[in-house]
Amino acid sequence: MNNAITMTLKMKVKPSSQQAFLEALNVRVAETLAYPGALSMQVIRQHDDPCTVLFVEEWESIDAFNLYIAWRSQRDDIWHLGEMLSEMPHMTFWSTIDVKPVQLG
């Protein structure tokens, strides 16, 4: 059984914080990908609302993700991020469905 999870995090960045958010993003993504248990990360901006950002992260397990969040909290990263947002972020956890595509034709 695969314990890997995908986490999505939708954020609404304050227009006045957009530049600072983008400047911090390169470092934050590098730190996340270097953290034990992080498998991949993609950051997507909403096409018609550049203040809305979606993070898609893959983790080895929910435990690895929880350790990562605890580490971010200890460093006050979550508080600093919250200062840049115009509303509460929305986090969702996903599990992979083991799909076995059939041969076509």
C-alpha atoms as a PDB file:
ATOM      1  CA  MET A   1       0.000   0.000   0.000  1.00  0.00           C
ATOM      2  CA  ASN A   2       1.242   3.454  -0.928  1.00  0.00           C
ATOM      3  CA  ASN A   3       1.066   6.002   1.918  1.00  0.00           C
ATOM      4  CA  ALA A   4       1.938   8.959  -0.321  1.00  0.00           C
ATOM      5  CA  ILE A   5      -0.418  11.927  -0.249  1.00  0.00           C
ATOM      6  CA  THR A   6      -1.040  14.933  -2.419  1.00  0.00           C
ATOM      7  CA  MET A   7      -1.819  18.181  -0.654  1.00  0.00           C
ATOM      8  CA  THR A   8      -3.394  21.162  -2.375  1.00  0.00           C
ATOM      9  CA  LEU A   9      -3.281  24.593  -0.791  1.00  0.00           C
ATOM     10  CA  LYS A  10      -5.244  27.453  -2.307  1.00  0.00           C
ATOM     11  CA  MET A  11      -4.208  30.945  -1.211  1.00  0.00           C
ATOM     12  CA  LYS A  12      -5.444  34.425  -1.942  1.00  0.00           C
ATOM     13  CA  VAL A  13      -2.505  36.861  -1.762  1.00  0.00           C
ATOM     14  CA  LYS A  14      -3.138  40.518  -0.944  1.00  0.00           C
ATOM     15  CA  PRO A  15      -2.466  42.650  -4.052  1.00  0.00           C
ATOM     16  CA  SER A  16      -0.102  44.782  -1.974  1.00  0.00           C
ATOM     17  CA  SER A  17       1.867  41.662  -0.939  1.00  0.00           C
ATOM     18  CA  GLN A  18       2.112  40.029  -4.353  1.00  0.00           C
ATOM     19  CA  GLN A  19       5.701  41.124  -5.074  1.00  0.00           C
ATOM     20  CA  ALA A  20       7.012  40.082  -1.643  1.00  0.00           C
ATOM     21  CA  PHE A  21       5.172  36.757  -1.940  1.00  0.00           C
ATOM     22  CA  LEU A  22       6.726  36.032  -5.336  1.00  0.00           C
ATOM     23  CA  GLU A  23      10.203  37.025  -4.143  1.00  0.00           C
ATOM     24  CA  ALA A  24       9.955  34.651  -1.170  1.00  0.00           C
ATOM     25  CA  LEU A  25       8.529  31.835  -3.278  1.00  0.00           C
ATOM     26  CA  ASN A  26      11.801  30.616  -4.822  1.00  0.00           C
ATOM     27  CA  VAL A  27      13.418  30.142  -1.421  1.00  0.00           C
ATOM     28  CA  ARG A  28      10.308  28.610   0.159  1.00  0.00           C
ATOM     29  CA  VAL A  29       9.886  26.096  -2.673  1.00  0.00           C
ATOM     30  CA  ALA A  30      13.568  25.097  -2.462  1.00  0.00           C
ATOM     31  CA  GLU A  31      13.262  24.634   1.317  1.00  0.00           C
ATOM     32  CA  THR A  32      10.120  22.540   0.905  1.00  0.00           C
ATOM     33  CA  LEU A  33      11.641  20.271  -1.732  1.00  0.00           C
ATOM     34  CA  ALA A  34      14.744  19.782   0.445  1.00  0.00           C
ATOM     35  CA  TYR A  35      12.649  18.687   3.435  1.00  0.00           C
ATOM     36  CA  PRO A  36      12.609  14.928   4.143  1.00  0.00           C
ATOM     37  CA  GLY A  37       9.515  13.308   2.671  1.00  0.00           C
ATOM     38  CA  ALA A  38       8.783  15.971   0.042  1.00  0.00           C
ATOM     39  CA  LEU A  39       8.416  14.327  -3.370  1.00  0.00           C
ATOM     40  CA  SER A  40       7.335  17.178  -5.645  1.00  0.00           C
ATOM     41  CA  MET A  41       5.798  20.623  -5.667  1.00  0.00           C
ATOM     42  CA  GLN A  42       4.056  22.743  -8.262  1.00  0.00           C
ATOM     43  CA  VAL A  43       2.844  26.325  -7.843  1.00  0.00           C
ATOM     44  CA  ILE A  44       0.047  27.487 -10.135  1.00  0.00           C
ATOM     45  CA  ARG A  45      -1.468  30.951 -10.481  1.00  0.00           C
ATOM     46  CA  GLN A  46      -5.140  31.383 -11.413  1.00  0.00           C
ATOM     47  CA  HIS A  47      -5.336  32.634 -14.992  1.00  0.00           C
ATOM     48  CA  ASP A  48      -7.899  35.389 -14.439  1.00  0.00           C
ATOM     49  CA  ASP A  49      -6.909  36.248 -10.839  1.00  0.00           C
ATOM     50  CA  PRO A  50      -3.119  36.385 -10.329  1.00  0.00           C
ATOM     51  CA  CYS A  51      -3.615  36.864  -6.572  1.00  0.00           C
ATOM     52  CA  THR A  52      -5.005  33.314  -6.302  1.00  0.00           C
ATOM     53  CA  VAL A  53      -2.259  30.710  -6.047  1.00  0.00           C
ATOM     54  CA  LEU A  54      -2.530  26.926  -5.798  1.00  0.00           C
ATOM     55  CA  PHE A  55       0.221  24.738  -4.374  1.00  0.00           C
ATOM     56  CA  VAL A  56       0.197  21.051  -5.323  1.00  0.00           C
ATOM     57  CA  GLU A  57       2.612  19.057  -3.177  1.00  0.00           C
ATOM     58  CA  GLU A  58       3.323  15.350  -3.052  1.00  0.00           C
ATOM     59  CA  TRP A  59       4.571  13.851   0.215  1.00  0.00           C
ATOM     60  CA  GLU A  60       5.753  10.358   1.178  1.00  0.00           C
ATOM     61  CA  SER A  61       3.167  10.308   3.982  1.00  0.00           C
ATOM     62  CA  ILE A  62       0.866  12.474   6.068  1.00  0.00           C
ATOM     63  CA  ASP A  63       3.371  12.076   8.921  1.00  0.00           C
ATOM     64  CA  ALA A  64       6.160  13.579   6.785  1.00  0.00           C
ATOM     65  CA  PHE A  65       3.893  16.493   5.893  1.00  0.00           C
ATOM     66  CA  ASN A  66       2.930  17.053   9.535  1.00  0.00           C
ATOM     67  CA  LEU A  67       6.616  17.162  10.564  1.00  0.00           C
ATOM     68  CA  TYR A  68       7.219  19.707   7.811  1.00  0.00           C
ATOM     69  CA  ILE A  69       4.336  21.911   9.001  1.00  0.00           C
ATOM     70  CA  ALA A  70       5.631  21.727  12.582  1.00  0.00           C
ATOM     71  CA  TRP A  71       9.059  22.841  11.332  1.00  0.00           C
ATOM     72  CA  ARG A  72       7.517  25.742   9.379  1.00  0.00           C
ATOM     73  CA  SER A  73       5.514  26.753  12.462  1.00  0.00           C
ATOM     74  CA  GLN A  74       8.594  26.752  14.707  1.00  0.00           C
ATOM     75  CA  ARG A  75      10.282  29.163  12.304  1.00  0.00           C
ATOM     76  CA  ASP A  76       7.203  31.452  12.207  1.00  0.00           C
ATOM     77  CA  ASP A  77       7.004  30.932   8.419  1.00  0.00           C
ATOM     78  CA  ILE A  78       3.276  30.252   8.611  1.00  0.00           C
ATOM     79  CA  TRP A  79       2.656  33.471  10.529  1.00  0.00           C
ATOM     80  CA  HIS A  80       4.686  35.496   8.002  1.00  0.00           C
ATOM     81  CA  LEU A  81       2.806  33.875   5.131  1.00  0.00           C
ATOM     82  CA  GLY A  82      -0.527  34.636   6.779  1.00  0.00           C
ATOM     83  CA  GLU A  83       0.371  38.320   6.847  1.00  0.00           C
ATOM     84  CA  MET A  84       0.476  38.278   3.022  1.00  0.00           C
ATOM     85  CA  LEU A  85      -2.940  36.659   2.552  1.00  0.00           C
ATOM     86  CA  SER A  86      -6.314  38.356   2.181  1.00  0.00           C
ATOM     87  CA  GLU A  87      -8.264  35.317   3.423  1.00  0.00           C
ATOM     88  CA  MET A  88      -7.727  31.981   5.125  1.00  0.00           C
ATOM     89  CA  PRO A  89      -6.025  29.424   2.872  1.00  0.00           C
ATOM     90  CA  HIS A  90      -7.819  26.196   1.980  1.00  0.00           C
ATOM     91  CA  MET A  91      -5.872  22.934   2.366  1.00  0.00           C
ATOM     92  CA  THR A  92      -7.046  19.540   1.068  1.00  0.00           C
ATOM     93  CA  PHE A  93      -5.387  16.123   1.209  1.00  0.00           C
ATOM     94  CA  TRP A  94      -5.724  13.618  -1.624  1.00  0.00           C
ATOM     95  CA  SER A  95      -4.897   9.931  -2.016  1.00  0.00           C
ATOM     96  CA  THR A  96      -3.947   8.379  -5.328  1.00  0.00           C
ATOM     97  CA  ILE A  97      -6.377   5.969  -6.953  1.00  0.00           C
ATOM     98  CA  ASP A  98      -4.547   3.017  -8.458  1.00  0.00           C
ATOM     99  CA  VAL A  99      -5.909   3.176 -12.003  1.00  0.00           C
ATOM    100  CA  LYS A 100      -4.886   0.534 -14.510  1.00  0.00           C
ATOM    101  CA  PRO A 101      -5.742   1.852 -17.981  1.00  0.00           C
ATOM    102  CA  VAL A 102      -6.946  -0.749 -20.436  1.00  0.00           C
ATOM    103  CA  GLN A 103      -5.377  -1.241 -23.854  1.00  0.00           C
ATOM    104  CA  LEU A 104      -7.324   0.669 -26.512  1.00  0.00           C
ATOM    105  CA  GLY A 105      -7.848  -0.567 -30.013  1.00  0.00           C
END
